[in-house]
PDB file of N, CA and C in Angstrom:
ATOM      1  N   MET A   1      99.836  90.837  83.725  1.00  0.00           N
ATOM      2  CA  MET A   1     100.469  89.670  84.321  1.00  0.00           C
ATOM      3  C   MET A   1     101.986  89.387  83.326  1.00  0.00           C
ATOM      4  N   LYS A   2     102.988  89.086  84.015  1.00  0.00           N
ATOM      5  CA  LYS A   2     103.968  88.864  83.218  1.00  0.00           C
ATOM      6  C   LYS A   2     104.476  87.698  82.453  1.00  0.00           C
ATOM      7  N   HIS A   3     104.734  87.358  81.305  1.00  0.00           N
ATOM      8  CA  HIS A   3     104.863  86.329  81.053  1.00  0.00           C
ATOM      9  C   HIS A   3     106.564  85.561  80.727  1.00  0.00           C
ATOM     10  N   GLU A   4     106.541  84.336  81.528  1.00  0.00           N
ATOM     11  CA  GLU A   4     107.943  84.131  81.591  1.00  0.00           C
ATOM     12  C   GLU A   4     108.672  83.212  80.220  1.00  0.00           C
ATOM     13  N   SER A   5     109.730  83.825  80.129  1.00  0.00           N
ATOM     14  CA  SER A   5     110.765  83.042  79.378  1.00  0.00           C
ATOM     15  C   SER A   5     111.137  81.620  79.531  1.00  0.00           C
ATOM     16  N   PRO A   6     111.438  81.033  78.816  1.00  0.00           N
ATOM     17  CA  PRO A   6     112.213  79.565  79.449  1.00  0.00           C
ATOM     18  C   PRO A   6     113.255  79.754  80.193  1.00  0.00           C
ATOM     19  N   THR A   7     113.900  80.657  79.853  1.00  0.00           N
ATOM     20  CA  THR A   7     115.432  81.269  80.751  1.00  0.00           C
ATOM     21  C   THR A   7     114.588  81.919  82.208  1.00  0.00           C
ATOM     22  N   ASP A   8     113.805  82.539  82.257  1.00  0.00           N
ATOM     23  CA  ASP A   8     112.802  82.993  83.487  1.00  0.00           C
ATOM     24  C   ASP A   8     112.829  82.039  84.254  1.00  0.00           C
ATOM     25  N   ALA A   9     112.028  80.909  83.889  1.00  0.00           N
ATOM     26  CA  ALA A   9     111.533  80.030  84.651  1.00  0.00           C
ATOM     27  C   ALA A   9     112.712  79.059  85.398  1.00  0.00           C
ATOM     28  N   SER A  10     113.676  79.098  84.627  1.00  0.00           N
ATOM     29  CA  SER A  10     114.741  78.245  85.266  1.00  0.00           C
ATOM     30  C   SER A  10     115.559  79.095  86.084  1.00  0.00           C
ATOM     31  N   LYS A  11     114.894  80.286  86.239  1.00  0.00           N
ATOM     32  CA  LYS A  11     115.874  81.127  87.602  1.00  0.00           C
ATOM     33  C   LYS A  11     115.304  81.034  88.845  1.00  0.00           C
ATOM     34  N   ARG A  12     113.972  80.420  89.020  1.00  0.00           N
ATOM     35  CA  ARG A  12     113.138  80.019  90.202  1.00  0.00           C
ATOM     36  C   ARG A  12     114.284  79.172  91.275  1.00  0.00           C
ATOM     37  N   SER A  13     114.026  79.287  92.761  1.00  0.00           N
ATOM     38  CA  SER A  13     114.377  78.161  93.363  1.00  0.00           C
ATOM     39  C   SER A  13     113.035  77.426  93.865  1.00  0.00           C
ATOM     40  N   THR A  14     113.528  76.546  94.593  1.00  0.00           N
ATOM     41  CA  THR A  14     112.501  75.709  95.178  1.00  0.00           C
ATOM     42  C   THR A  14     111.735  75.916  96.666  1.00  0.00           C
ATOM     43  N   LEU A  15     110.514  76.156  96.841  1.00  0.00           N
ATOM     44  CA  LEU A  15     110.060  76.463  98.141  1.00  0.00           C
ATOM     45  C   LEU A  15     109.240  75.093  98.348  1.00  0.00           C
ATOM     46  N   ASN A  16     109.411  74.481  99.536  1.00  0.00           N
ATOM     47  CA  ASN A  16     108.872  73.260 100.041  1.00  0.00           C
ATOM     48  C   ASN A  16     108.214  73.902 101.030  1.00  0.00           C
ATOM     49  N   ILE A  17     106.921  73.304 101.529  1.00  0.00           N
ATOM     50  CA  ILE A  17     105.959  73.411 102.604  1.00  0.00           C
ATOM     51  C   ILE A  17     105.404  72.429 102.952  1.00  0.00           C
ATOM     52  N   ARG A  18     104.958  72.033 103.808  1.00  0.00           N
ATOM     53  CA  ARG A  18     103.743  71.499 104.276  1.00  0.00           C
ATOM     54  C   ARG A  18     102.627  71.654 104.681  1.00  0.00           C
ATOM     55  N   ILE A  19     101.574  70.773 104.062  1.00  0.00           N
ATOM     56  CA  ILE A  19     100.081  71.215 103.914  1.00  0.00           C
ATOM     57  C   ILE A  19      99.326  70.435 104.355  1.00  0.00           C
ATOM     58  N   LYS A  20      98.120  70.663 105.103  1.00  0.00           N
ATOM     59  CA  LYS A  20      97.109  69.665 105.484  1.00  0.00           C
ATOM     60  C   LYS A  20      95.983  69.377 103.868  1.00  0.00           C
ATOM     61  N   PRO A  21      96.016  67.793 103.936  1.00  0.00           N
ATOM     62  CA  PRO A  21      95.309  68.164 102.590  1.00  0.00           C
ATOM     63  C   PRO A  21      93.908  68.750 102.275  1.00  0.00           C
ATOM     64  N   ASP A  22      93.057  68.972 103.290  1.00  0.00           N
ATOM     65  CA  ASP A  22      92.011  70.055 102.906  1.00  0.00           C
ATOM     66  C   ASP A  22      92.565  71.494 102.681  1.00  0.00           C
ATOM     67  N   GLU A  23      93.525  71.948 103.184  1.00  0.00           N
ATOM     68  CA  GLU A  23      94.036  72.795 102.773  1.00  0.00           C
ATOM     69  C   GLU A  23      94.846  73.128 101.484  1.00  0.00           C
ATOM     70  N   ARG A  24      94.978  72.142 100.925  1.00  0.00           N
ATOM     71  CA  ARG A  24      95.473  71.825  99.463  1.00  0.00           C
ATOM     72  C   ARG A  24      94.551  71.797  98.492  1.00  0.00           C
ATOM     73  N   GLY A  25      93.423  71.201  99.161  1.00  0.00           N
ATOM     74  CA  GLY A  25      92.363  70.864  97.995  1.00  0.00           C
ATOM     75  C   GLY A  25      91.706  72.221  97.914  1.00  0.00           C
ATOM     76  N   LEU A  26      91.657  73.101  98.725  1.00  0.00           N
ATOM     77  CA  LEU A  26      90.814  74.627  99.202  1.00  0.00           C
ATOM     78  C   LEU A  26      91.780  75.179  97.871  1.00  0.00           C
ATOM     79  N   ILE A  27      93.200  75.224  97.966  1.00  0.00           N
ATOM     80  CA  ILE A  27      93.812  76.226  97.117  1.00  0.00           C
ATOM     81  C   ILE A  27      93.823  75.472  96.099  1.00  0.00           C
ATOM     82  N   ASP A  28      94.052  74.184  95.446  1.00  0.00           N
ATOM     83  CA  ASP A  28      93.932  73.796  94.315  1.00  0.00           C
ATOM     84  C   ASP A  28      92.194  74.226  93.676  1.00  0.00           C
ATOM     85  N   GLU A  29      91.421  74.110  94.260  1.00  0.00           N
ATOM     86  CA  GLU A  29      89.717  74.269  93.860  1.00  0.00           C
ATOM     87  C   GLU A  29      89.972  75.981  93.266  1.00  0.00           C
ATOM     88  N   ALA A  30      90.697  76.876  94.681  1.00  0.00           N
ATOM     89  CA  ALA A  30      90.484  78.393  94.055  1.00  0.00           C
ATOM     90  C   ALA A  30      91.439  78.280  92.868  1.00  0.00           C
ATOM     91  N   ALA A  31      92.739  77.788  92.456  1.00  0.00           N
ATOM     92  CA  ALA A  31      93.861  78.071  91.357  1.00  0.00           C
ATOM     93  C   ALA A  31      92.848  77.581  90.546  1.00  0.00           C
ATOM     94  N   ARG A  32      91.782  76.899  90.542  1.00  0.00           N
ATOM     95  CA  ARG A  32      91.519  76.173  89.532  1.00  0.00           C
ATOM     96  C   ARG A  32      90.435  77.257  88.908  1.00  0.00           C
ATOM     97  N   ALA A  33      89.447  77.811  89.752  1.00  0.00           N
ATOM     98  CA  ALA A  33      88.460  78.752  89.804  1.00  0.00           C
ATOM     99  C   ALA A  33      89.192  79.865  88.821  1.00  0.00           C
ATOM    100  N   LEU A  34      90.750  79.786  88.910  1.00  0.00           N
ATOM    101  CA  LEU A  34      90.947  81.399  88.146  1.00  0.00           C
ATOM    102  C   LEU A  34      91.841  80.864  87.082  1.00  0.00           C
ATOM    103  N   GLY A  35      91.754  79.797  86.797  1.00  0.00           N
ATOM    104  CA  GLY A  35      92.575  79.057  85.675  1.00  0.00           C
ATOM    105  C   GLY A  35      93.998  79.250  85.618  1.00  0.00           C
ATOM    106  N   MET A  36      94.214  79.022  87.031  1.00  0.00           N
ATOM    107  CA  MET A  36      96.005  79.170  87.602  1.00  0.00           C
ATOM    108  C   MET A  36      96.463  77.591  87.924  1.00  0.00           C
ATOM    109  N   SER A  37      97.658  77.884  87.898  1.00  0.00           N
ATOM    110  CA  SER A  37      98.143  76.326  88.705  1.00  0.00           C
ATOM    111  C   SER A  37      98.378  77.033  90.028  1.00  0.00           C
ATOM    112  N   ARG A  38      98.491  75.643  90.579  1.00  0.00           N
ATOM    113  CA  ARG A  38      98.950  75.894  92.461  1.00  0.00           C
ATOM    114  C   ARG A  38     100.057  76.607  92.516  1.00  0.00           C
ATOM    115  N   THR A  39     101.146  76.521  92.122  1.00  0.00           N
ATOM    116  CA  THR A  39     102.252  77.387  92.117  1.00  0.00           C
ATOM    117  C   THR A  39     101.950  78.881  92.051  1.00  0.00           C
ATOM    118  N   ASP A  40     101.550  79.046  90.450  1.00  0.00           N
ATOM    119  CA  ASP A  40     101.236  80.601  90.005  1.00  0.00           C
ATOM    120  C   ASP A  40     100.074  81.242  91.269  1.00  0.00           C
ATOM    121  N   PHE A  41      99.147  80.354  91.917  1.00  0.00           N
ATOM    122  CA  PHE A  41      98.454  80.643  92.856  1.00  0.00           C
ATOM    123  C   PHE A  41      98.859  81.020  94.040  1.00  0.00           C
ATOM    124  N   ILE A  42      99.546  80.267  94.588  1.00  0.00           N
ATOM    125  CA  ILE A  42     100.113  80.305  95.848  1.00  0.00           C
ATOM    126  C   ILE A  42     101.416  81.562  95.898  1.00  0.00           C
ATOM    127  N   LEU A  43     101.902  81.422  94.895  1.00  0.00           N
ATOM    128  CA  LEU A  43     102.895  82.791  94.700  1.00  0.00           C
ATOM    129  C   LEU A  43     102.428  84.033  94.596  1.00  0.00           C
ATOM    130  N   ASP A  44     101.407  84.346  93.835  1.00  0.00           N
ATOM    131  CA  ASP A  44     100.496  85.692  93.772  1.00  0.00           C
ATOM    132  C   ASP A  44     100.153  85.789  94.835  1.00  0.00           C
ATOM    133  N   ALA A  45      99.386  84.782  96.009  1.00  0.00           N
ATOM    134  CA  ALA A  45      98.993  85.365  97.404  1.00  0.00           C
ATOM    135  C   ALA A  45      99.780  85.258  98.131  1.00  0.00           C
ATOM    136  N   ALA A  46     100.822  84.726  98.064  1.00  0.00           N
ATOM    137  CA  ALA A  46     101.641  85.082  98.758  1.00  0.00           C
ATOM    138  C   ALA A  46     102.681  86.505  98.673  1.00  0.00           C
ATOM    139  N   ARG A  47     102.754  86.576  97.361  1.00  0.00           N
ATOM    140  CA  ARG A  47     103.228  87.981  97.134  1.00  0.00           C
ATOM    141  C   ARG A  47     102.624  89.121  97.147  1.00  0.00           C
ATOM    142  N   ARG A  48     101.015  89.154  97.198  1.00  0.00           N
ATOM    143  CA  ARG A  48     100.313  89.902  97.427  1.00  0.00           C
ATOM    144  C   ARG A  48     100.085  90.386  99.109  1.00  0.00           C
ATOM    145  N   LYS A  49     100.507  89.329  99.790  1.00  0.00           N
ATOM    146  CA  LYS A  49     100.430  89.243 100.944  1.00  0.00           C
ATOM    147  C   LYS A  49     101.944  90.097 101.738  1.00  0.00           C
ATOM    148  N   ALA A  50     102.567  89.698 101.360  1.00  0.00           N
ATOM    149  CA  ALA A  50     103.997  90.124 101.208  1.00  0.00           C
ATOM    150  C   ALA A  50     104.036  91.686 101.104  1.00  0.00           C
ATOM    151  N   GLU A  51     103.729  91.906  99.892  1.00  0.00           N
ATOM    152  CA  GLU A  51     103.808  93.780  99.479  1.00  0.00           C
ATOM    153  C   GLU A  51     102.642  94.313 100.582  1.00  0.00           C
ATOM    154  N   ASP A  52     101.430  94.103 100.735  1.00  0.00           N
ATOM    155  CA  ASP A  52     100.562  94.435 101.744  1.00  0.00           C
ATOM    156  C   ASP A  52     101.244  94.504 103.127  1.00  0.00           C
ATOM    157  N   THR A  53     101.994  93.712 103.844  1.00  0.00           N
ATOM    158  CA  THR A  53     102.720  93.782 104.924  1.00  0.00           C
ATOM    159  C   THR A  53     103.743  94.755 104.779  1.00  0.00           C
ATOM    160  N   LEU A  54     104.493  94.829 104.011  1.00  0.00           N
ATOM    161  CA  LEU A  54     105.510  95.871 103.897  1.00  0.00           C
ATOM    162  C   LEU A  54     104.930  97.414 103.934  1.00  0.00           C
ATOM    163  N   LEU A  55     103.515  97.400 103.240  1.00  0.00           N
ATOM    164  CA  LEU A  55     103.321  98.819 102.838  1.00  0.00           C
ATOM    165  C   LEU A  55     102.690  99.380 104.219  1.00  0.00           C
ATOM    166  N   ASP A  56     102.057  98.450 104.812  1.00  0.00           N
ATOM    167  CA  ASP A  56     101.601  98.407 106.142  1.00  0.00           C
ATOM    168  C   ASP A  56     102.696  99.442 107.179  1.00  0.00           C
ATOM    169  N   ARG A  57     103.560  98.798 106.754  1.00  0.00           N
ATOM    170  CA  ARG A  57     104.618  99.448 107.843  1.00  0.00           C
ATOM    171  C   ARG A  57     105.266 100.709 107.399  1.00  0.00           C
ATOM    172  N   THR A  58     104.869 101.276 106.279  1.00  0.00           N
ATOM    173  CA  THR A  58     105.521 102.541 105.725  1.00  0.00           C
ATOM    174  C   THR A  58     105.251 103.662 106.581  1.00  0.00           C
ATOM    175  N   ILE A  59     105.878 104.314 106.734  1.00  0.00           N
ATOM    176  CA  ILE A  59     105.532 105.724 107.454  1.00  0.00           C
ATOM    177  C   ILE A  59     105.846 106.633 107.071  1.00  0.00           C
ATOM    178  N   ILE A  60     104.798 107.589 106.992  1.00  0.00           N
ATOM    179  CA  ILE A  60     104.834 108.793 106.248  1.00  0.00           C
ATOM    180  C   ILE A  60     105.070 109.984 107.316  1.00  0.00           C
ATOM    181  N   LYS A  61     106.138 110.934 107.209  1.00  0.00           N
ATOM    182  CA  LYS A  61     106.293 111.897 108.180  1.00  0.00           C
ATOM    183  C   LYS A  61     106.178 113.041 107.557  1.00  0.00           C
ATOM    184  N   VAL A  62     105.112 113.837 108.485  1.00  0.00           N
ATOM    185  CA  VAL A  62     104.685 115.191 107.864  1.00  0.00           C
ATOM    186  C   VAL A  62     105.051 116.065 108.913  1.00  0.00           C
ATOM    187  N   SER A  63     105.199 117.672 108.791  1.00  0.00           N
ATOM    188  CA  SER A  63     104.830 118.626 110.177  1.00  0.00           C
ATOM    189  C   SER A  63     103.802 118.567 110.472  1.00  0.00           C
ATOM    190  N   PRO A  64     103.489 118.856 111.873  1.00  0.00           N
ATOM    191  CA  PRO A  64     102.473 119.272 112.596  1.00  0.00           C
ATOM    192  C   PRO A  64     101.390 119.786 111.850  1.00  0.00           C
ATOM    193  N   GLN A  65     101.824 120.596 111.307  1.00  0.00           N
ATOM    194  CA  GLN A  65     100.705 121.545 110.558  1.00  0.00           C
ATOM    195  C   GLN A  65     100.521 120.892 109.197  1.00  0.00           C
ATOM    196  N   ALA A  66     100.991 119.972 108.634  1.00  0.00           N
ATOM    197  CA  ALA A  66     100.458 119.083 107.535  1.00  0.00           C
ATOM    198  C   ALA A  66      99.508 118.111 107.771  1.00  0.00           C
ATOM    199  N   TYR A  67     100.142 117.579 109.161  1.00  0.00           N
ATOM    200  CA  TYR A  67      99.036 116.764 109.654  1.00  0.00           C
ATOM    201  C   TYR A  67      97.510 117.368 109.987  1.00  0.00           C
ATOM    202  N   ALA A  68      97.349 118.192 110.687  1.00  0.00           N
ATOM    203  CA  ALA A  68      96.443 119.020 110.938  1.00  0.00           C
ATOM    204  C   ALA A  68      95.698 119.023 109.987  1.00  0.00           C
ATOM    205  N   ASP A  69      96.274 119.949 108.770  1.00  0.00           N
ATOM    206  CA  ASP A  69      95.381 120.339 107.608  1.00  0.00           C
ATOM    207  C   ASP A  69      94.803 118.999 106.917  1.00  0.00           C
ATOM    208  N   PHE A  70      95.694 118.011 106.966  1.00  0.00           N
ATOM    209  CA  PHE A  70      94.974 116.584 106.524  1.00  0.00           C
ATOM    210  C   PHE A  70      94.046 116.161 107.385  1.00  0.00           C
ATOM    211  N   VAL A  71      93.992 116.156 108.668  1.00  0.00           N
ATOM    212  CA  VAL A  71      92.947 115.500 109.484  1.00  0.00           C
ATOM    213  C   VAL A  71      91.576 116.668 109.157  1.00  0.00           C
ATOM    214  N   ALA A  72      92.014 118.109 109.143  1.00  0.00           N
ATOM    215  CA  ALA A  72      90.852 119.092 108.846  1.00  0.00           C
ATOM    216  C   ALA A  72      89.938 118.715 107.528  1.00  0.00           C
ATOM    217  N   LEU A  73      90.615 118.158 106.471  1.00  0.00           N
ATOM    218  CA  LEU A  73      90.297 117.848 105.379  1.00  0.00           C
ATOM    219  C   LEU A  73      89.457 116.482 105.204  1.00  0.00           C
ATOM    220  N   LEU A  74      90.001 116.005 106.541  1.00  0.00           N
ATOM    221  CA  LEU A  74      88.974 114.387 106.485  1.00  0.00           C
ATOM    222  C   LEU A  74      87.828 114.546 107.218  1.00  0.00           C
ATOM    223  N   ASP A  75      87.916 115.625 107.777  1.00  0.00           N
ATOM    224  CA  ASP A  75      86.603 115.858 109.231  1.00  0.00           C
ATOM    225  C   ASP A  75      85.615 116.692 108.344  1.00  0.00           C
ATOM    226  N   ALA A  76      85.908 117.516 107.142  1.00  0.00           N
ATOM    227  CA  ALA A  76      85.188 118.226 106.592  1.00  0.00           C
ATOM    228  C   ALA A  76      84.113 117.287 105.814  1.00  0.00           C
ATOM    229  N   SER A  77      83.215 118.176 105.916  1.00  0.00           N
ATOM    230  CA  SER A  77      82.084 117.838 105.339  1.00  0.00           C
ATOM    231  C   SER A  77      82.066 118.148 103.626  1.00  0.00           C
ATOM    232  N   PRO A  78      81.691 116.925 102.945  1.00  0.00           N
ATOM    233  CA  PRO A  78      81.754 117.426 101.320  1.00  0.00           C
ATOM    234  C   PRO A  78      80.916 118.132 101.080  1.00  0.00           C
ATOM    235  N   GLN A  79      81.800 119.270 100.209  1.00  0.00           N
ATOM    236  CA  GLN A  79      80.743 120.693  99.800  1.00  0.00           C
ATOM    237  C   GLN A  79      79.899 119.747  98.509  1.00  0.00           C
ATOM    238  N   PRO A  80      78.456 120.125  98.278  1.00  0.00           N
ATOM    239  CA  PRO A  80      77.484 120.019  97.457  1.00  0.00           C
ATOM    240  C   PRO A  80      78.261 119.993  95.960  1.00  0.00           C
ATOM    241  N   ASN A  81      78.226 118.739  94.952  1.00  0.00           N
ATOM    242  CA  ASN A  81      78.528 119.456  93.752  1.00  0.00           C
ATOM    243  C   ASN A  81      77.905 118.594  92.785  1.00  0.00           C
ATOM    244  N   GLU A  82      77.778 118.736  91.759  1.00  0.00           N
ATOM    245  CA  GLU A  82      77.192 117.834  90.419  1.00  0.00           C
ATOM    246  C   GLU A  82      77.820 116.503  90.623  1.00  0.00           C
ATOM    247  N   ALA A  83      79.178 116.240  90.515  1.00  0.00           N
ATOM    248  CA  ALA A  83      79.419 114.869  90.770  1.00  0.00           C
ATOM    249  C   ALA A  83      78.737 114.204  91.799  1.00  0.00           C
ATOM    250  N   LEU A  84      79.097 114.767  93.077  1.00  0.00           N
ATOM    251  CA  LEU A  84      78.275 114.148  94.265  1.00  0.00           C
ATOM    252  C   LEU A  84      77.371 113.599  94.269  1.00  0.00           C
ATOM    253  N   PHE A  85      76.125 114.760  93.605  1.00  0.00           N
ATOM    254  CA  PHE A  85      74.518 114.538  93.344  1.00  0.00           C
ATOM    255  C   PHE A  85      74.491 113.118  92.549  1.00  0.00           C
ATOM    256  N   ARG A  86      75.141 113.163  91.169  1.00  0.00           N
ATOM    257  CA  ARG A  86      75.316 112.073  90.495  1.00  0.00           C
ATOM    258  C   ARG A  86      75.723 111.137  91.391  1.00  0.00           C
ATOM    259  N   LEU A  87      76.462 110.585  91.823  1.00  0.00           N
ATOM    260  CA  LEU A  87      77.144 109.426  92.637  1.00  0.00           C
ATOM    261  C   LEU A  87      76.049 109.153  93.478  1.00  0.00           C
ATOM    262  N   MET A  88      75.453 109.864  94.313  1.00  0.00           N
ATOM    263  CA  MET A  88      74.587 109.805  95.483  1.00  0.00           C
ATOM    264  C   MET A  88      73.381 109.687  94.908  1.00  0.00           C
ATOM    265  N   ASN A  89      72.920 110.181  93.576  1.00  0.00           N
ATOM    266  CA  ASN A  89      71.524 109.465  93.107  1.00  0.00           C
ATOM    267  C   ASN A  89      71.665 108.242  92.150  1.00  0.00           C
ATOM    268  N   ALA A  90      72.753 107.904  92.026  1.00  0.00           N
ATOM    269  CA  ALA A  90      72.672 106.505  90.901  1.00  0.00           C
ATOM    270  C   ALA A  90      72.579 105.426  91.305  1.00  0.00           C
ATOM    271  N   PRO A  91      71.653 104.803  90.212  1.00  0.00           N
ATOM    272  CA  PRO A  91      71.255 103.471  90.782  1.00  0.00           C
ATOM    273  C   PRO A  91      72.185 102.414  91.366  1.00  0.00           C
ATOM    274  N   LYS A  92      71.546 101.949  92.455  1.00  0.00           N
ATOM    275  CA  LYS A  92      72.447 100.802  93.392  1.00  0.00           C
ATOM    276  C   LYS A  92      72.521  99.661  92.598  1.00  0.00           C
ATOM    277  N   PRO A  93      73.696  98.538  92.223  1.00  0.00           N
ATOM    278  CA  PRO A  93      73.652  97.451  91.802  1.00  0.00           C
ATOM    279  C   PRO A  93      72.737  96.498  92.440  1.00  0.00           C
ATOM    280  N   TRP A  94      72.610  96.549  93.564  1.00  0.00           N
ATOM    281  CA  TRP A  94      71.843  95.483  94.419  1.00  0.00           C
ATOM    282  C   TRP A  94      70.191  96.064  94.453  1.00  0.00           C
ATOM    283  N   GLU A  95      69.755  97.190  94.206  1.00  0.00           N
ATOM    284  CA  GLU A  95      68.331  97.396  94.087  1.00  0.00           C
ATOM    285  C   GLU A  95      67.773  96.958  92.671  1.00  0.00           C
ATOM    286  N   PRO A  96      66.724  96.459  92.687  1.00  0.00           N
ATOM    287  CA  PRO A  96      66.208  96.096  91.540  1.00  0.00           C
ATOM    288  C   PRO A  96      65.963  97.056  90.581  1.00  0.00           C
ATOM    289  N   ARG A  97      65.996  97.046  89.210  1.00  0.00           N
ATOM    290  CA  ARG A  97      65.392  98.210  88.584  1.00  0.00           C
ATOM    291  C   ARG A  97      64.226  98.151  87.871  1.00  0.00           C
TER     292      ARG A  97
END
């Protein structure tokens, strides 16, 4: 997480929103649980959603052959190997030990 200098904080602009009291309470409770201010919590959540939204709209163009090769890799069964064996036989966190 980036720390702001006093000059960085002064470069902020204001964003006003209307919010229902129960929504504000929920946000405040979640922010407290993370040790964040309401502003930082809301900015973090909004920034993440904005990034996800823009990334979801990213288009990757490939040739038809490259796409067919990619789909074939996804459809192929994994080949047995030691790492896969260890992973599949590792203790599950939700199972009692």
